[in-house]
PDB file of N, CA and C in Angstrom:
ATOM      1  N   MET A   1     140.844 -92.291 -84.096  1.00  0.00           N
ATOM      2  CA  MET A   1     139.998 -91.107 -84.171  1.00  0.00           C
ATOM      3  C   MET A   1     139.120 -91.235 -85.411  1.00  0.00           C
ATOM      4  N   THR A   2     137.807 -91.388 -85.221  1.00  0.00           N
ATOM      5  CA  THR A   2     136.877 -91.430 -86.335  1.00  0.00           C
ATOM      6  C   THR A   2     136.305 -90.037 -86.561  1.00  0.00           C
ATOM      7  N   GLN A   3     135.846 -89.785 -87.787  1.00  0.00           N
ATOM      8  CA  GLN A   3     135.331 -88.466 -88.126  1.00  0.00           C
ATOM      9  C   GLN A   3     133.936 -88.575 -88.718  1.00  0.00           C
ATOM     10  N   SER A   4     133.111 -87.535 -88.474  1.00  0.00           N
ATOM     11  CA  SER A   4     131.756 -87.489 -88.979  1.00  0.00           C
ATOM     12  C   SER A   4     131.316 -86.041 -89.095  1.00  0.00           C
ATOM     13  N   THR A   5     130.300 -85.790 -89.922  1.00  0.00           N
ATOM     14  CA  THR A   5     129.720 -84.445 -89.999  1.00  0.00           C
ATOM     15  C   THR A   5     128.228 -84.473 -89.690  1.00  0.00           C
ATOM     16  N   GLU A   6     127.721 -85.595 -89.141  1.00  0.00           N
ATOM     17  CA  GLU A   6     126.314 -85.684 -88.759  1.00  0.00           C
ATOM     18  C   GLU A   6     126.101 -84.982 -87.430  1.00  0.00           C
ATOM     19  N   ILE A   7     124.896 -84.394 -87.268  1.00  0.00           N
ATOM     20  CA  ILE A   7     124.610 -83.684 -86.012  1.00  0.00           C
ATOM     21  C   ILE A   7     123.122 -83.769 -85.690  1.00  0.00           C
ATOM     22  N   GLY A   8     122.831 -84.040 -84.420  1.00  0.00           N
ATOM     23  CA  GLY A   8     121.455 -84.099 -83.944  1.00  0.00           C
ATOM     24  C   GLY A   8     121.102 -82.848 -83.162  1.00  0.00           C
ATOM     25  N   PRO A   9     119.849 -82.736 -82.717  1.00  0.00           N
ATOM     26  CA  PRO A   9     119.415 -81.521 -82.022  1.00  0.00           C
ATOM     27  C   PRO A   9     120.137 -81.262 -80.703  1.00  0.00           C
ATOM     28  N   GLU A  10     120.462 -82.305 -79.938  1.00  0.00           N
ATOM     29  CA  GLU A  10     121.176 -82.103 -78.671  1.00  0.00           C
ATOM     30  C   GLU A  10     122.602 -81.617 -78.914  1.00  0.00           C
ATOM     31  N   ASP A  11     123.225 -82.122 -79.973  1.00  0.00           N
ATOM     32  CA  ASP A  11     124.570 -81.661 -80.312  1.00  0.00           C
ATOM     33  C   ASP A  11     124.534 -80.241 -80.873  1.00  0.00           C
ATOM     34  N   ARG A  12     123.499 -79.922 -81.630  1.00  0.00           N
ATOM     35  CA  ARG A  12     123.341 -78.552 -82.137  1.00  0.00           C
ATOM     36  C   ARG A  12     123.225 -77.585 -80.951  1.00  0.00           C
ATOM     37  N   LYS A  13     122.533 -78.026 -79.903  1.00  0.00           N
ATOM     38  CA  LYS A  13     122.355 -77.186 -78.719  1.00  0.00           C
ATOM     39  C   LYS A  13     123.694 -76.856 -78.060  1.00  0.00           C
ATOM     40  N   ILE A  14     124.590 -77.848 -77.896  1.00  0.00           N
ATOM     41  CA  ILE A  14     125.857 -77.543 -77.237  1.00  0.00           C
ATOM     42  C   ILE A  14     126.764 -76.697 -78.129  1.00  0.00           C
ATOM     43  N   ILE A  15     126.627 -76.830 -79.441  1.00  0.00           N
ATOM     44  CA  ILE A  15     127.378 -75.939 -80.335  1.00  0.00           C
ATOM     45  C   ILE A  15     126.880 -74.504 -80.164  1.00  0.00           C
ATOM     46  N   THR A  16     125.574 -74.331 -80.093  1.00  0.00           N
ATOM     47  CA  THR A  16     124.995 -72.992 -79.901  1.00  0.00           C
ATOM     48  C   THR A  16     125.460 -72.380 -78.584  1.00  0.00           C
ATOM     49  N   LEU A  17     125.469 -73.179 -77.517  1.00  0.00           N
ATOM     50  CA  LEU A  17     125.938 -72.686 -76.223  1.00  0.00           C
ATOM     51  C   LEU A  17     127.421 -72.305 -76.275  1.00  0.00           C
ATOM     52  N   ALA A  18     128.218 -73.128 -76.935  1.00  0.00           N
ATOM     53  CA  ALA A  18     129.652 -72.836 -77.066  1.00  0.00           C
ATOM     54  C   ALA A  18     129.881 -71.556 -77.863  1.00  0.00           C
ATOM     55  N   ARG A  19     129.120 -71.416 -78.913  1.00  0.00           N
ATOM     56  CA  ARG A  19     129.228 -70.205 -79.747  1.00  0.00           C
ATOM     57  C   ARG A  19     128.864 -68.959 -78.948  1.00  0.00           C
ATOM     58  N   SER A  20     127.822 -69.059 -78.142  1.00  0.00           N
ATOM     59  CA  SER A  20     127.394 -67.933 -77.311  1.00  0.00           C
ATOM     60  C   SER A  20     128.461 -67.557 -76.290  1.00  0.00           C
ATOM     61  N   ALA A  21     129.094 -68.555 -75.672  1.00  0.00           N
ATOM     62  CA  ALA A  21     130.151 -68.282 -74.686  1.00  0.00           C
ATOM     63  C   ALA A  21     131.323 -67.563 -75.341  1.00  0.00           C
ATOM     64  N   ARG A  22     131.677 -67.988 -76.528  1.00  0.00           N
ATOM     65  CA  ARG A  22     132.786 -67.356 -77.255  1.00  0.00           C
ATOM     66  C   ARG A  22     132.472 -65.891 -77.542  1.00  0.00           C
ATOM     67  N   ALA A  23     131.289 -65.633 -78.037  1.00  0.00           N
ATOM     68  CA  ALA A  23     130.899 -64.265 -78.391  1.00  0.00           C
ATOM     69  C   ALA A  23     130.720 -63.386 -77.154  1.00  0.00           C
ATOM     70  N   ARG A  24     130.041 -63.905 -76.152  1.00  0.00           N
ATOM     71  CA  ARG A  24     129.744 -63.135 -74.944  1.00  0.00           C
ATOM     72  C   ARG A  24     131.013 -62.706 -74.224  1.00  0.00           C
ATOM     73  N   ASN A  25     132.006 -63.584 -74.179  1.00  0.00           N
ATOM     74  CA  ASN A  25     133.233 -63.308 -73.439  1.00  0.00           C
ATOM     75  C   ASN A  25     134.368 -62.785 -74.308  1.00  0.00           C
ATOM     76  N   ALA A  26     134.117 -62.665 -75.607  1.00  0.00           N
ATOM     77  CA  ALA A  26     135.131 -62.176 -76.558  1.00  0.00           C
ATOM     78  C   ALA A  26     136.454 -62.924 -76.383  1.00  0.00           C
ATOM     79  N   VAL A  27     136.365 -64.256 -76.404  1.00  0.00           N
ATOM     80  CA  VAL A  27     137.534 -65.117 -76.250  1.00  0.00           C
ATOM     81  C   VAL A  27     137.747 -65.931 -77.529  1.00  0.00           C
ATOM     82  N   PRO A  28     138.945 -66.490 -77.709  1.00  0.00           N
ATOM     83  CA  PRO A  28     139.232 -67.233 -78.948  1.00  0.00           C
ATOM     84  C   PRO A  28     138.359 -68.464 -79.170  1.00  0.00           C
ATOM     85  N   GLU A  29     137.948 -69.125 -78.076  1.00  0.00           N
ATOM     86  CA  GLU A  29     137.140 -70.335 -78.193  1.00  0.00           C
ATOM     87  C   GLU A  29     136.025 -70.358 -77.157  1.00  0.00           C
ATOM     88  N   GLY A  30     134.940 -71.006 -77.513  1.00  0.00           N
ATOM     89  CA  GLY A  30     133.873 -71.314 -76.582  1.00  0.00           C
ATOM     90  C   GLY A  30     133.655 -72.816 -76.625  1.00  0.00           C
ATOM     91  N   ALA A  31     133.207 -73.390 -75.526  1.00  0.00           N
ATOM     92  CA  ALA A  31     132.987 -74.841 -75.487  1.00  0.00           C
ATOM     93  C   ALA A  31     131.815 -75.172 -74.585  1.00  0.00           C
ATOM     94  N   ALA A  32     131.259 -76.344 -74.808  1.00  0.00           N
ATOM     95  CA  ALA A  32     130.199 -76.870 -73.955  1.00  0.00           C
ATOM     96  C   ALA A  32     130.317 -78.384 -73.939  1.00  0.00           C
ATOM     97  N   VAL A  33     130.019 -78.965 -72.791  1.00  0.00           N
ATOM     98  CA  VAL A  33     129.986 -80.420 -72.661  1.00  0.00           C
ATOM     99  C   VAL A  33     128.648 -80.819 -72.049  1.00  0.00           C
ATOM    100  N   ARG A  34     128.205 -82.035 -72.387  1.00  0.00           N
ATOM    101  CA  ARG A  34     126.962 -82.575 -71.835  1.00  0.00           C
ATOM    102  C   ARG A  34     127.326 -83.826 -71.042  1.00  0.00           C
ATOM    103  N   ASP A  35     126.887 -83.882 -69.782  1.00  0.00           N
ATOM    104  CA  ASP A  35     127.244 -85.029 -68.946  1.00  0.00           C
ATOM    105  C   ASP A  35     126.220 -86.149 -69.079  1.00  0.00           C
ATOM    106  N   GLU A  36     126.417 -87.193 -68.283  1.00  0.00           N
ATOM    107  CA  GLU A  36     125.586 -88.395 -68.371  1.00  0.00           C
ATOM    108  C   GLU A  36     124.143 -88.162 -67.966  1.00  0.00           C
ATOM    109  N   THR A  37     123.845 -87.061 -67.287  1.00  0.00           N
ATOM    110  CA  THR A  37     122.472 -86.755 -66.902  1.00  0.00           C
ATOM    111  C   THR A  37     121.823 -85.719 -67.820  1.00  0.00           C
ATOM    112  N   GLY A  38     122.567 -85.249 -68.815  1.00  0.00           N
ATOM    113  CA  GLY A  38     122.046 -84.247 -69.734  1.00  0.00           C
ATOM    114  C   GLY A  38     122.364 -82.815 -69.340  1.00  0.00           C
ATOM    115  N   ARG A  39     123.020 -82.627 -68.191  1.00  0.00           N
ATOM    116  CA  ARG A  39     123.419 -81.272 -67.794  1.00  0.00           C
ATOM    117  C   ARG A  39     124.527 -80.781 -68.709  1.00  0.00           C
ATOM    118  N   THR A  40     124.518 -79.469 -68.945  1.00  0.00           N
ATOM    119  CA  THR A  40     125.555 -78.887 -69.787  1.00  0.00           C
ATOM    120  C   THR A  40     126.413 -77.915 -68.984  1.00  0.00           C
ATOM    121  N   TYR A  41     127.663 -77.828 -69.391  1.00  0.00           N
ATOM    122  CA  TYR A  41     128.635 -76.934 -68.780  1.00  0.00           C
ATOM    123  C   TYR A  41     129.271 -76.148 -69.914  1.00  0.00           C
ATOM    124  N   VAL A  42     129.267 -74.831 -69.782  1.00  0.00           N
ATOM    125  CA  VAL A  42     129.694 -73.947 -70.863  1.00  0.00           C
ATOM    126  C   VAL A  42     130.851 -73.093 -70.378  1.00  0.00           C
ATOM    127  N   ALA A  43     131.851 -72.889 -71.229  1.00  0.00           N
ATOM    128  CA  ALA A  43     133.023 -72.120 -70.823  1.00  0.00           C
ATOM    129  C   ALA A  43     133.693 -71.470 -72.020  1.00  0.00           C
ATOM    130  N   GLY A  44     134.508 -70.491 -71.709  1.00  0.00           N
ATOM    131  CA  GLY A  44     135.361 -69.851 -72.706  1.00  0.00           C
ATOM    132  C   GLY A  44     136.816 -70.081 -72.349  1.00  0.00           C
ATOM    133  N   THR A  45     137.689 -69.671 -73.240  1.00  0.00           N
ATOM    134  CA  THR A  45     139.123 -69.768 -73.020  1.00  0.00           C
ATOM    135  C   THR A  45     139.510 -68.991 -71.760  1.00  0.00           C
ATOM    136  N   VAL A  46     140.405 -69.568 -70.950  1.00  0.00           N
ATOM    137  CA  VAL A  46     140.946 -68.890 -69.771  1.00  0.00           C
ATOM    138  C   VAL A  46     142.376 -68.476 -70.104  1.00  0.00           C
ATOM    139  N   GLY A  47     142.641 -67.180 -70.035  1.00  0.00           N
ATOM    140  CA  GLY A  47     143.966 -66.673 -70.379  1.00  0.00           C
ATOM    141  C   GLY A  47     144.529 -65.752 -69.322  1.00  0.00           C
ATOM    142  N   LEU A  48     144.661 -66.256 -68.104  1.00  0.00           N
ATOM    143  CA  LEU A  48     145.255 -65.477 -67.024  1.00  0.00           C
ATOM    144  C   LEU A  48     146.775 -65.603 -67.090  1.00  0.00           C
ATOM    145  N   ASN A  49     147.467 -64.707 -66.435  1.00  0.00           N
ATOM    146  CA  ASN A  49     148.925 -64.827 -66.378  1.00  0.00           C
ATOM    147  C   ASN A  49     149.352 -66.136 -65.737  1.00  0.00           C
ATOM    148  N   SER A  50     148.624 -66.561 -64.718  1.00  0.00           N
ATOM    149  CA  SER A  50     149.007 -67.759 -63.971  1.00  0.00           C
ATOM    150  C   SER A  50     148.267 -69.022 -64.402  1.00  0.00           C
ATOM    151  N   LEU A  51     147.296 -68.909 -65.294  1.00  0.00           N
ATOM    152  CA  LEU A  51     146.490 -70.066 -65.680  1.00  0.00           C
ATOM    153  C   LEU A  51     146.032 -69.938 -67.124  1.00  0.00           C
ATOM    154  N   LYS A  52     146.373 -70.919 -67.937  1.00  0.00           N
ATOM    155  CA  LYS A  52     145.956 -70.968 -69.340  1.00  0.00           C
ATOM    156  C   LYS A  52     145.219 -72.280 -69.575  1.00  0.00           C
ATOM    157  N   LEU A  53     143.951 -72.173 -69.959  1.00  0.00           N
ATOM    158  CA  LEU A  53     143.146 -73.352 -70.283  1.00  0.00           C
ATOM    159  C   LEU A  53     142.356 -73.080 -71.550  1.00  0.00           C
ATOM    160  N   SER A  54     142.245 -74.087 -72.380  1.00  0.00           N
ATOM    161  CA  SER A  54     141.360 -73.958 -73.531  1.00  0.00           C
ATOM    162  C   SER A  54     139.919 -73.942 -73.036  1.00  0.00           C
ATOM    163  N   ALA A  55     139.026 -73.519 -73.879  1.00  0.00           N
ATOM    164  CA  ALA A  55     137.610 -73.503 -73.508  1.00  0.00           C
ATOM    165  C   ALA A  55     137.117 -74.905 -73.177  1.00  0.00           C
ATOM    166  N   LEU A  56     137.524 -75.892 -73.955  1.00  0.00           N
ATOM    167  CA  LEU A  56     137.051 -77.253 -73.715  1.00  0.00           C
ATOM    168  C   LEU A  56     137.641 -77.825 -72.428  1.00  0.00           C
ATOM    169  N   GLN A  57     138.893 -77.552 -72.140  1.00  0.00           N
ATOM    170  CA  GLN A  57     139.475 -77.992 -70.873  1.00  0.00           C
ATOM    171  C   GLN A  57     138.724 -77.363 -69.704  1.00  0.00           C
ATOM    172  N   THR A  58     138.354 -76.097 -69.835  1.00  0.00           N
ATOM    173  CA  THR A  58     137.623 -75.408 -68.778  1.00  0.00           C
ATOM    174  C   THR A  58     136.241 -76.017 -68.587  1.00  0.00           C
ATOM    175  N   ALA A  59     135.551 -76.315 -69.685  1.00  0.00           N
ATOM    176  CA  ALA A  59     134.215 -76.923 -69.584  1.00  0.00           C
ATOM    177  C   ALA A  59     134.285 -78.296 -68.935  1.00  0.00           C
ATOM    178  N   VAL A  60     135.299 -79.087 -69.285  1.00  0.00           N
ATOM    179  CA  VAL A  60     135.463 -80.405 -68.666  1.00  0.00           C
ATOM    180  C   VAL A  60     135.744 -80.236 -67.173  1.00  0.00           C
ATOM    181  N   ALA A  61     136.608 -79.293 -66.811  1.00  0.00           N
ATOM    182  CA  ALA A  61     136.911 -79.046 -65.393  1.00  0.00           C
ATOM    183  C   ALA A  61     135.656 -78.628 -64.629  1.00  0.00           C
ATOM    184  N   MET A  62     134.821 -77.808 -65.248  1.00  0.00           N
ATOM    185  CA  MET A  62     133.571 -77.397 -64.603  1.00  0.00           C
ATOM    186  C   MET A  62     132.661 -78.600 -64.374  1.00  0.00           C
ATOM    187  N   ALA A  63     132.595 -79.504 -65.354  1.00  0.00           N
ATOM    188  CA  ALA A  63     131.771 -80.702 -65.209  1.00  0.00           C
ATOM    189  C   ALA A  63     132.285 -81.569 -64.056  1.00  0.00           C
ATOM    190  N   VAL A  64     133.595 -81.774 -64.001  1.00  0.00           N
ATOM    191  CA  VAL A  64     134.189 -82.576 -62.932  1.00  0.00           C
ATOM    192  C   VAL A  64     133.914 -81.928 -61.579  1.00  0.00           C
ATOM    193  N   ALA A  65     134.124 -80.616 -61.485  1.00  0.00           N
ATOM    194  CA  ALA A  65     133.921 -79.901 -60.224  1.00  0.00           C
ATOM    195  C   ALA A  65     132.464 -79.938 -59.774  1.00  0.00           C
ATOM    196  N   SER A  66     131.544 -80.147 -60.720  1.00  0.00           N
ATOM    197  CA  SER A  66     130.122 -80.207 -60.392  1.00  0.00           C
ATOM    198  C   SER A  66     129.636 -81.633 -60.141  1.00  0.00           C
ATOM    199  N   GLY A  67     130.541 -82.604 -60.215  1.00  0.00           N
ATOM    200  CA  GLY A  67     130.183 -83.975 -59.892  1.00  0.00           C
ATOM    201  C   GLY A  67     129.834 -84.870 -61.061  1.00  0.00           C
ATOM    202  N   ALA A  68     130.068 -84.428 -62.293  1.00  0.00           N
ATOM    203  CA  ALA A  68     129.779 -85.281 -63.449  1.00  0.00           C
ATOM    204  C   ALA A  68     130.642 -86.543 -63.390  1.00  0.00           C
ATOM    205  N   LYS A  69     130.051 -87.656 -63.745  1.00  0.00           N
ATOM    206  CA  LYS A  69     130.763 -88.935 -63.746  1.00  0.00           C
ATOM    207  C   LYS A  69     131.255 -89.317 -65.132  1.00  0.00           C
ATOM    208  N   SER A  70     130.612 -88.784 -66.177  1.00  0.00           N
ATOM    209  CA  SER A  70     131.040 -89.058 -67.551  1.00  0.00           C
ATOM    210  C   SER A  70     130.450 -87.993 -68.474  1.00  0.00           C
ATOM    211  N   LEU A  71     130.889 -88.016 -69.711  1.00  0.00           N
ATOM    212  CA  LEU A  71     130.385 -87.071 -70.713  1.00  0.00           C
ATOM    213  C   LEU A  71     129.712 -87.829 -71.847  1.00  0.00           C
ATOM    214  N   GLU A  72     128.632 -87.245 -72.366  1.00  0.00           N
ATOM    215  CA  GLU A  72     127.973 -87.789 -73.548  1.00  0.00           C
ATOM    216  C   GLU A  72     128.541 -87.169 -74.816  1.00  0.00           C
ATOM    217  N   ALA A  73     128.893 -85.867 -74.747  1.00  0.00           N
ATOM    218  CA  ALA A  73     129.395 -85.166 -75.931  1.00  0.00           C
ATOM    219  C   ALA A  73     130.081 -83.878 -75.509  1.00  0.00           C
ATOM    220  N   ALA A  74     130.922 -83.371 -76.409  1.00  0.00           N
ATOM    221  CA  ALA A  74     131.619 -82.112 -76.185  1.00  0.00           C
ATOM    222  C   ALA A  74     131.625 -81.335 -77.486  1.00  0.00           C
ATOM    223  N   ALA A  75     131.588 -80.003 -77.369  1.00  0.00           N
ATOM    224  CA  ALA A  75     131.640 -79.150 -78.555  1.00  0.00           C
ATOM    225  C   ALA A  75     132.565 -77.976 -78.288  1.00  0.00           C
ATOM    226  N   VAL A  76     133.284 -77.583 -79.311  1.00  0.00           N
ATOM    227  CA  VAL A  76     134.148 -76.410 -79.232  1.00  0.00           C
ATOM    228  C   VAL A  76     133.929 -75.574 -80.489  1.00  0.00           C
ATOM    229  N   VAL A  77     133.860 -74.267 -80.304  1.00  0.00           N
ATOM    230  CA  VAL A  77     133.740 -73.324 -81.413  1.00  0.00           C
ATOM    231  C   VAL A  77     135.062 -72.598 -81.495  1.00  0.00           C
ATOM    232  N   SER A  78     135.703 -72.704 -82.667  1.00  0.00           N
ATOM    233  CA  SER A  78     137.065 -72.214 -82.811  1.00  0.00           C
ATOM    234  C   SER A  78     137.392 -71.989 -84.285  1.00  0.00           C
ATOM    235  N   ASP A  79     138.464 -71.252 -84.508  1.00  0.00           N
ATOM    236  CA  ASP A  79     139.002 -71.108 -85.866  1.00  0.00           C
ATOM    237  C   ASP A  79     139.887 -72.284 -86.249  1.00  0.00           C
ATOM    238  N   ALA A  80     140.207 -73.150 -85.304  1.00  0.00           N
ATOM    239  CA  ALA A  80     141.095 -74.293 -85.540  1.00  0.00           C
ATOM    240  C   ALA A  80     140.499 -75.249 -86.579  1.00  0.00           C
ATOM    241  N   ALA A  81     141.374 -76.012 -87.203  1.00  0.00           N
ATOM    242  CA  ALA A  81     140.943 -76.989 -88.208  1.00  0.00           C
ATOM    243  C   ALA A  81     140.527 -78.313 -87.582  1.00  0.00           C
ATOM    244  N   THR A  82     141.086 -78.632 -86.413  1.00  0.00           N
ATOM    245  CA  THR A  82     140.763 -79.868 -85.706  1.00  0.00           C
ATOM    246  C   THR A  82     140.831 -79.604 -84.208  1.00  0.00           C
ATOM    247  N   PRO A  83     140.122 -80.399 -83.409  1.00  0.00           N
ATOM    248  CA  PRO A  83     140.267 -80.266 -81.955  1.00  0.00           C
ATOM    249  C   PRO A  83     141.700 -80.634 -81.556  1.00  0.00           C
ATOM    250  N   SER A  84     142.242 -79.924 -80.592  1.00  0.00           N
ATOM    251  CA  SER A  84     143.624 -80.192 -80.170  1.00  0.00           C
ATOM    252  C   SER A  84     143.707 -81.533 -79.449  1.00  0.00           C
ATOM    253  N   ASP A  85     144.912 -82.092 -79.432  1.00  0.00           N
ATOM    254  CA  ASP A  85     145.136 -83.338 -78.701  1.00  0.00           C
ATOM    255  C   ASP A  85     144.844 -83.154 -77.210  1.00  0.00           C
ATOM    256  N   ALA A  86     145.205 -81.994 -76.668  1.00  0.00           N
ATOM    257  CA  ALA A  86     144.955 -81.726 -75.245  1.00  0.00           C
ATOM    258  C   ALA A  86     143.460 -81.675 -74.956  1.00  0.00           C
ATOM    259  N   ASP A  87     142.682 -81.073 -75.849  1.00  0.00           N
ATOM    260  CA  ASP A  87     141.226 -81.029 -75.666  1.00  0.00           C
ATOM    261  C   ASP A  87     140.626 -82.427 -75.736  1.00  0.00           C
ATOM    262  N   ARG A  88     141.060 -83.200 -76.713  1.00  0.00           N
ATOM    263  CA  ARG A  88     140.546 -84.565 -76.847  1.00  0.00           C
ATOM    264  C   ARG A  88     140.915 -85.408 -75.626  1.00  0.00           C
ATOM    265  N   ALA A  89     142.116 -85.183 -75.085  1.00  0.00           N
ATOM    266  CA  ALA A  89     142.541 -85.921 -73.891  1.00  0.00           C
ATOM    267  C   ALA A  89     141.672 -85.579 -72.688  1.00  0.00           C
ATOM    268  N   ALA A  90     141.340 -84.304 -72.520  1.00  0.00           N
ATOM    269  CA  ALA A  90     140.488 -83.898 -71.393  1.00  0.00           C
ATOM    270  C   ALA A  90     139.118 -84.554 -71.493  1.00  0.00           C
ATOM    271  N   VAL A  91     138.554 -84.573 -72.688  1.00  0.00           N
ATOM    272  CA  VAL A  91     137.249 -85.210 -72.891  1.00  0.00           C
ATOM    273  C   VAL A  91     137.363 -86.718 -72.660  1.00  0.00           C
ATOM    274  N   ARG A  92     138.417 -87.314 -73.164  1.00  0.00           N
ATOM    275  CA  ARG A  92     138.637 -88.763 -73.010  1.00  0.00           C
ATOM    276  C   ARG A  92     138.766 -89.144 -71.528  1.00  0.00           C
ATOM    277  N   ASP A  93     139.445 -88.312 -70.733  1.00  0.00           N
ATOM    278  CA  ASP A  93     139.634 -88.609 -69.316  1.00  0.00           C
ATOM    279  C   ASP A  93     138.308 -88.763 -68.577  1.00  0.00           C
ATOM    280  N   LEU A  94     137.315 -87.964 -68.939  1.00  0.00           N
ATOM    281  CA  LEU A  94     136.017 -88.039 -68.256  1.00  0.00           C
ATOM    282  C   LEU A  94     135.000 -88.858 -69.038  1.00  0.00           C
ATOM    283  N   GLY A  95     135.028 -88.776 -70.341  1.00  0.00           N
ATOM    284  CA  GLY A  95     133.991 -89.417 -71.139  1.00  0.00           C
ATOM    285  C   GLY A  95     134.363 -90.732 -71.781  1.00  0.00           C
ATOM    286  N   GLY A  96     135.654 -90.998 -71.891  1.00  0.00           N
ATOM    287  CA  GLY A  96     136.097 -92.215 -72.566  1.00  0.00           C
ATOM    288  C   GLY A  96     136.452 -91.945 -74.016  1.00  0.00           C
ATOM    289  N   PRO A  97     137.084 -92.919 -74.672  1.00  0.00           N
ATOM    290  CA  PRO A  97     137.600 -92.718 -76.023  1.00  0.00           C
ATOM    291  C   PRO A  97     136.543 -92.550 -77.119  1.00  0.00           C
ATOM    292  N   ASP A  98     135.327 -93.008 -76.870  1.00  0.00           N
ATOM    293  CA  ASP A  98     134.280 -92.919 -77.890  1.00  0.00           C
ATOM    294  C   ASP A  98     133.426 -91.662 -77.794  1.00  0.00           C
ATOM    295  N   THR A  99     133.704 -90.783 -76.838  1.00  0.00           N
ATOM    296  CA  THR A  99     132.923 -89.556 -76.667  1.00  0.00           C
ATOM    297  C   THR A  99     133.128 -88.651 -77.878  1.00  0.00           C
ATOM    298  N   PRO A 100     132.043 -88.209 -78.524  1.00  0.00           N
ATOM    299  CA  PRO A 100     132.189 -87.328 -79.675  1.00  0.00           C
ATOM    300  C   PRO A 100     132.628 -85.919 -79.264  1.00  0.00           C
ATOM    301  N   VAL A 101     133.549 -85.368 -80.053  1.00  0.00           N
ATOM    302  CA  VAL A 101     134.015 -83.993 -79.890  1.00  0.00           C
ATOM    303  C   VAL A 101     133.672 -83.270 -81.188  1.00  0.00           C
ATOM    304  N   LEU A 102     132.735 -82.325 -81.095  1.00  0.00           N
ATOM    305  CA  LEU A 102     132.283 -81.583 -82.260  1.00  0.00           C
ATOM    306  C   LEU A 102     133.075 -80.287 -82.361  1.00  0.00           C
ATOM    307  N   LEU A 103     133.578 -79.994 -83.536  1.00  0.00           N
ATOM    308  CA  LEU A 103     134.287 -78.741 -83.781  1.00  0.00           C
ATOM    309  C   LEU A 103     133.485 -77.931 -84.785  1.00  0.00           C
ATOM    310  N   ALA A 104     133.129 -76.716 -84.381  1.00  0.00           N
ATOM    311  CA  ALA A 104     132.375 -75.815 -85.253  1.00  0.00           C
ATOM    312  C   ALA A 104     133.148 -74.520 -85.434  1.00  0.00           C
ATOM    313  N   GLY A 105     132.881 -73.854 -86.538  1.00  0.00           N
ATOM    314  CA  GLY A 105     133.477 -72.554 -86.785  1.00  0.00           C
ATOM    315  C   GLY A 105     132.735 -71.475 -86.020  1.00  0.00           C
ATOM    316  N   PRO A 106     133.257 -70.262 -86.021  1.00  0.00           N
ATOM    317  CA  PRO A 106     132.626 -69.156 -85.296  1.00  0.00           C
ATOM    318  C   PRO A 106     131.177 -68.884 -85.712  1.00  0.00           C
ATOM    319  N   ASP A 107     130.811 -69.278 -86.923  1.00  0.00           N
ATOM    320  CA  ASP A 107     129.433 -69.087 -87.379  1.00  0.00           C
ATOM    321  C   ASP A 107     128.511 -70.227 -86.949  1.00  0.00           C
ATOM    322  N   GLY A 108     129.065 -71.219 -86.237  1.00  0.00           N
ATOM    323  CA  GLY A 108     128.273 -72.345 -85.756  1.00  0.00           C
ATOM    324  C   GLY A 108     128.202 -73.515 -86.717  1.00  0.00           C
ATOM    325  N   THR A 109     128.823 -73.394 -87.876  1.00  0.00           N
ATOM    326  CA  THR A 109     128.811 -74.480 -88.846  1.00  0.00           C
ATOM    327  C   THR A 109     129.744 -75.598 -88.399  1.00  0.00           C
ATOM    328  N   LEU A 110     129.213 -76.812 -88.332  1.00  0.00           N
ATOM    329  CA  LEU A 110     130.015 -77.957 -87.929  1.00  0.00           C
ATOM    330  C   LEU A 110     131.112 -78.208 -88.957  1.00  0.00           C
ATOM    331  N   LYS A 111     132.349 -78.274 -88.489  1.00  0.00           N
ATOM    332  CA  LYS A 111     133.484 -78.608 -89.358  1.00  0.00           C
ATOM    333  C   LYS A 111     133.723 -80.107 -89.367  1.00  0.00           C
ATOM    334  N   VAL A 112     133.755 -80.686 -88.150  1.00  0.00           N
ATOM    335  CA  VAL A 112     134.050 -82.102 -88.029  1.00  0.00           C
ATOM    336  C   VAL A 112     133.642 -82.598 -86.649  1.00  0.00           C
ATOM    337  N   THR A 113     133.313 -83.882 -86.583  1.00  0.00           N
ATOM    338  CA  THR A 113     133.105 -84.563 -85.308  1.00  0.00           C
ATOM    339  C   THR A 113     134.114 -85.688 -85.256  1.00  0.00           C
ATOM    340  N   VAL A 114     134.896 -85.733 -84.180  1.00  0.00           N
ATOM    341  CA  VAL A 114     135.863 -86.788 -83.984  1.00  0.00           C
ATOM    342  C   VAL A 114     135.581 -87.432 -82.627  1.00  0.00           C
ATOM    343  N   THR A 115     136.156 -88.586 -82.395  1.00  0.00           N
ATOM    344  CA  THR A 115     136.038 -89.188 -81.069  1.00  0.00           C
ATOM    345  C   THR A 115     137.193 -88.704 -80.208  1.00  0.00           C
ATOM    346  N   ALA A 116     137.003 -88.764 -78.903  1.00  0.00           N
ATOM    347  CA  ALA A 116     138.044 -88.304 -77.981  1.00  0.00           C
ATOM    348  C   ALA A 116     139.260 -89.218 -78.002  1.00  0.00           C
ATOM    349  N   GLY A 117     139.044 -90.485 -78.419  1.00  0.00           N
ATOM    350  CA  GLY A 117     140.122 -91.472 -78.391  1.00  0.00           C
ATOM    351  C   GLY A 117     141.124 -91.262 -79.439  1.00  0.00           C
TER     352      GLY A 117
END
């Protein structure tokens, strides 16, 4: 797992989308992923009695359900200090071990970028 704090405009965009999903749905986390064609999928935490998914797991599932073949990047907005192992695994399953996972705080400030691997 490598770490970085660099961010480009496309990555800033998915952080903004993730932040908006978190705020709009009043959930603990918001996430967004960008697929190989540049399409984005945005989601919030799912907390049903019968189904619990993190925001990033939900965004990855949405990408898969929409036919995405791989991921270019993933972002999650959370109070957490690092992306969870489960979130990184979901991104790795679709995007591979080198896919960047950006973690930002609720204010949108990038905390860290790690690889899914």
